[in-house]
Amino acid sequence: MAIVNVTDSSFQSEVESGGTVLVDFWAPWCGPCKMIAPVLEEIDGEIGGKVKIAKVNVDENPESAQRFGVMSIPTLMLVKDGQVVDKIIGFQPKESLLSAINKHL
């Protein structure tokens, strides 16, 4: 499954409609966000059939970031069946992200 770019208007249908979704709150000027992007691509390639990965640009979609209290980026939230089950702030290596995701699959 490909990584989906989500907007404030598509957030509910893309993220809260069910299943397990890893939401990446990011911005193009954020260094750690750029570092985590290829890690998310790898995860999508490995387990994209089990978890959807959604990216929310906080500069263009401030409502979603504000709604979930995103204070620093990157913030990764794991949403399962419409409920936030885990929140990871800052760059994390692939292994720790996979570990967090696998707890909720």
C-alpha atoms as a PDB file:
ATOM      1  CA  MET A   1       0.000   0.000   0.000  1.00  0.00           C
ATOM      2  CA  ALA A   2       1.300   3.464  -0.795  1.00  0.00           C
ATOM      3  CA  ILE A   3       1.793   6.182   1.802  1.00  0.00           C
ATOM      4  CA  VAL A   4      -1.196   8.528   1.757  1.00  0.00           C
ATOM      5  CA  ASN A   5      -1.042  12.305   2.089  1.00  0.00           C
ATOM      6  CA  VAL A   6      -3.893  13.378   4.348  1.00  0.00           C
ATOM      7  CA  THR A   7      -5.485  16.812   4.698  1.00  0.00           C
ATOM      8  CA  ASP A   8      -7.716  18.276   7.386  1.00  0.00           C
ATOM      9  CA  SER A   9     -10.728  17.492   5.181  1.00  0.00           C
ATOM     10  CA  SER A  10      -9.715  13.890   4.401  1.00  0.00           C
ATOM     11  CA  PHE A  11      -8.402  13.003   7.878  1.00  0.00           C
ATOM     12  CA  GLN A  12     -11.577  11.380   9.138  1.00  0.00           C
ATOM     13  CA  SER A  13     -12.146   9.187   6.071  1.00  0.00           C
ATOM     14  CA  GLU A  14      -8.467   8.191   5.708  1.00  0.00           C
ATOM     15  CA  VAL A  15      -7.485   7.723   9.370  1.00  0.00           C
ATOM     16  CA  GLU A  16     -10.545   7.250  11.541  1.00  0.00           C
ATOM     17  CA  SER A  17     -12.518   4.906   9.298  1.00  0.00           C
ATOM     18  CA  GLY A  18     -11.061   1.742  10.840  1.00  0.00           C
ATOM     19  CA  GLY A  19      -8.023  -0.459  10.656  1.00  0.00           C
ATOM     20  CA  THR A  20      -4.545   0.423  11.900  1.00  0.00           C
ATOM     21  CA  VAL A  21      -3.032   3.689  10.669  1.00  0.00           C
ATOM     22  CA  LEU A  22       0.358   5.236  11.437  1.00  0.00           C
ATOM     23  CA  VAL A  23      -0.035   9.013  11.097  1.00  0.00           C
ATOM     24  CA  ASP A  24       3.114  11.065  10.537  1.00  0.00           C
ATOM     25  CA  PHE A  25       2.705  14.745  11.450  1.00  0.00           C
ATOM     26  CA  TRP A  26       5.556  16.500   9.604  1.00  0.00           C
ATOM     27  CA  ALA A  27       6.673  19.653   7.777  1.00  0.00           C
ATOM     28  CA  PRO A  28       9.002  20.117   4.795  1.00  0.00           C
ATOM     29  CA  TRP A  29      11.449  22.302   6.786  1.00  0.00           C
ATOM     30  CA  CYS A  30      11.855  19.742   9.600  1.00  0.00           C
ATOM     31  CA  GLY A  31      15.203  17.899   9.546  1.00  0.00           C
ATOM     32  CA  PRO A  32      14.141  14.881  11.644  1.00  0.00           C
ATOM     33  CA  CYS A  33      10.992  14.608   9.488  1.00  0.00           C
ATOM     34  CA  LYS A  34      13.217  14.236   6.420  1.00  0.00           C
ATOM     35  CA  MET A  35      15.239  11.564   8.238  1.00  0.00           C
ATOM     36  CA  ILE A  36      12.172   9.504   9.149  1.00  0.00           C
ATOM     37  CA  ALA A  37      10.574   9.615   5.660  1.00  0.00           C
ATOM     38  CA  PRO A  38      12.735   6.807   4.142  1.00  0.00           C
ATOM     39  CA  VAL A  39      12.181   4.717   7.293  1.00  0.00           C
ATOM     40  CA  LEU A  40       8.414   5.010   6.773  1.00  0.00           C
ATOM     41  CA  GLU A  41       8.877   4.030   3.104  1.00  0.00           C
ATOM     42  CA  GLU A  42      10.711   0.865   4.218  1.00  0.00           C
ATOM     43  CA  ILE A  43       8.019   0.028   6.761  1.00  0.00           C
ATOM     44  CA  ASP A  44       5.345   0.554   4.113  1.00  0.00           C
ATOM     45  CA  GLY A  45       7.217  -1.821   1.800  1.00  0.00           C
ATOM     46  CA  GLU A  46       7.457  -4.487   4.506  1.00  0.00           C
ATOM     47  CA  ILE A  47       4.082  -4.340   6.281  1.00  0.00           C
ATOM     48  CA  GLY A  48       2.015  -1.905   4.200  1.00  0.00           C
ATOM     49  CA  GLY A  49      -0.665  -4.558   3.839  1.00  0.00           C
ATOM     50  CA  LYS A  50      -1.248  -4.581   7.603  1.00  0.00           C
ATOM     51  CA  VAL A  51      -0.924  -0.877   8.441  1.00  0.00           C
ATOM     52  CA  LYS A  52      -1.767   2.238   6.464  1.00  0.00           C
ATOM     53  CA  ILE A  53       0.769   5.066   6.667  1.00  0.00           C
ATOM     54  CA  ALA A  54      -0.653   8.576   6.423  1.00  0.00           C
ATOM     55  CA  LYS A  55       1.342  11.825   6.313  1.00  0.00           C
ATOM     56  CA  VAL A  56      -0.100  15.142   7.535  1.00  0.00           C
ATOM     57  CA  ASN A  57       1.790  18.324   6.636  1.00  0.00           C
ATOM     58  CA  VAL A  58       1.221  20.463   9.755  1.00  0.00           C
ATOM     59  CA  ASP A  59       1.858  23.727   7.879  1.00  0.00           C
ATOM     60  CA  GLU A  60      -0.943  23.003   5.411  1.00  0.00           C
ATOM     61  CA  ASN A  61      -3.269  21.170   7.835  1.00  0.00           C
ATOM     62  CA  PRO A  62      -3.141  22.925  11.209  1.00  0.00           C
ATOM     63  CA  GLU A  63      -6.596  21.715  12.338  1.00  0.00           C
ATOM     64  CA  SER A  64      -5.559  18.053  12.538  1.00  0.00           C
ATOM     65  CA  ALA A  65      -2.311  18.895  14.333  1.00  0.00           C
ATOM     66  CA  GLN A  66      -4.132  21.119  16.826  1.00  0.00           C
ATOM     67  CA  ARG A  67      -6.893  18.575  17.384  1.00  0.00           C
ATOM     68  CA  PHE A  68      -4.367  15.944  18.457  1.00  0.00           C
ATOM     69  CA  GLY A  69      -2.154  18.298  20.450  1.00  0.00           C
ATOM     70  CA  VAL A  70       0.891  17.989  18.209  1.00  0.00           C
ATOM     71  CA  MET A  71       3.475  20.314  19.768  1.00  0.00           C
ATOM     72  CA  SER A  72       6.649  19.081  18.059  1.00  0.00           C
ATOM     73  CA  ILE A  73       7.384  17.205  14.873  1.00  0.00           C
ATOM     74  CA  PRO A  74       7.793  14.586  13.772  1.00  0.00           C
ATOM     75  CA  THR A  75       4.975  13.178  15.853  1.00  0.00           C
ATOM     76  CA  LEU A  76       3.810   9.704  14.880  1.00  0.00           C
ATOM     77  CA  MET A  77       0.442   8.511  16.133  1.00  0.00           C
ATOM     78  CA  LEU A  78      -0.834   4.986  15.858  1.00  0.00           C
ATOM     79  CA  VAL A  79      -4.591   4.979  15.360  1.00  0.00           C
ATOM     80  CA  LYS A  80      -6.532   1.734  15.615  1.00  0.00           C
ATOM     81  CA  ASP A  81     -10.230   1.692  14.717  1.00  0.00           C
ATOM     82  CA  GLY A  82     -10.405   5.473  15.086  1.00  0.00           C
ATOM     83  CA  GLN A  83      -8.705   5.649  18.517  1.00  0.00           C
ATOM     84  CA  VAL A  84      -5.158   6.829  19.237  1.00  0.00           C
ATOM     85  CA  VAL A  85      -3.359   3.874  20.831  1.00  0.00           C
ATOM     86  CA  ASP A  86       0.246   5.132  20.763  1.00  0.00           C
ATOM     87  CA  LYS A  87       2.169   8.370  20.221  1.00  0.00           C
ATOM     88  CA  ILE A  88       5.853   8.638  19.307  1.00  0.00           C
ATOM     89  CA  ILE A  89       7.619  12.003  19.246  1.00  0.00           C
ATOM     90  CA  GLY A  90      10.872  12.601  17.396  1.00  0.00           C
ATOM     91  CA  PHE A  91      12.976  10.453  15.111  1.00  0.00           C
ATOM     92  CA  GLN A  92      12.937   6.749  15.920  1.00  0.00           C
ATOM     93  CA  PRO A  93      14.848   3.908  14.283  1.00  0.00           C
ATOM     94  CA  LYS A  94      12.912   1.459  12.149  1.00  0.00           C
ATOM     95  CA  GLU A  95      13.087  -1.335  14.731  1.00  0.00           C
ATOM     96  CA  SER A  96      11.394   0.704  17.456  1.00  0.00           C
ATOM     97  CA  LEU A  97       8.677   1.892  15.059  1.00  0.00           C
ATOM     98  CA  LEU A  98       8.018  -1.685  13.942  1.00  0.00           C
ATOM     99  CA  SER A  99       7.870  -2.797  17.564  1.00  0.00           C
ATOM    100  CA  ALA A 100       5.292  -0.095  18.388  1.00  0.00           C
ATOM    101  CA  ILE A 101       3.195  -0.957  15.320  1.00  0.00           C
ATOM    102  CA  ASN A 102       3.309  -4.716  15.901  1.00  0.00           C
ATOM    103  CA  LYS A 103       1.918  -4.283  19.442  1.00  0.00           C
ATOM    104  CA  HIS A 104      -1.330  -3.046  17.899  1.00  0.00           C
ATOM    105  CA  LEU A 105      -1.760  -5.267  14.832  1.00  0.00           C
END
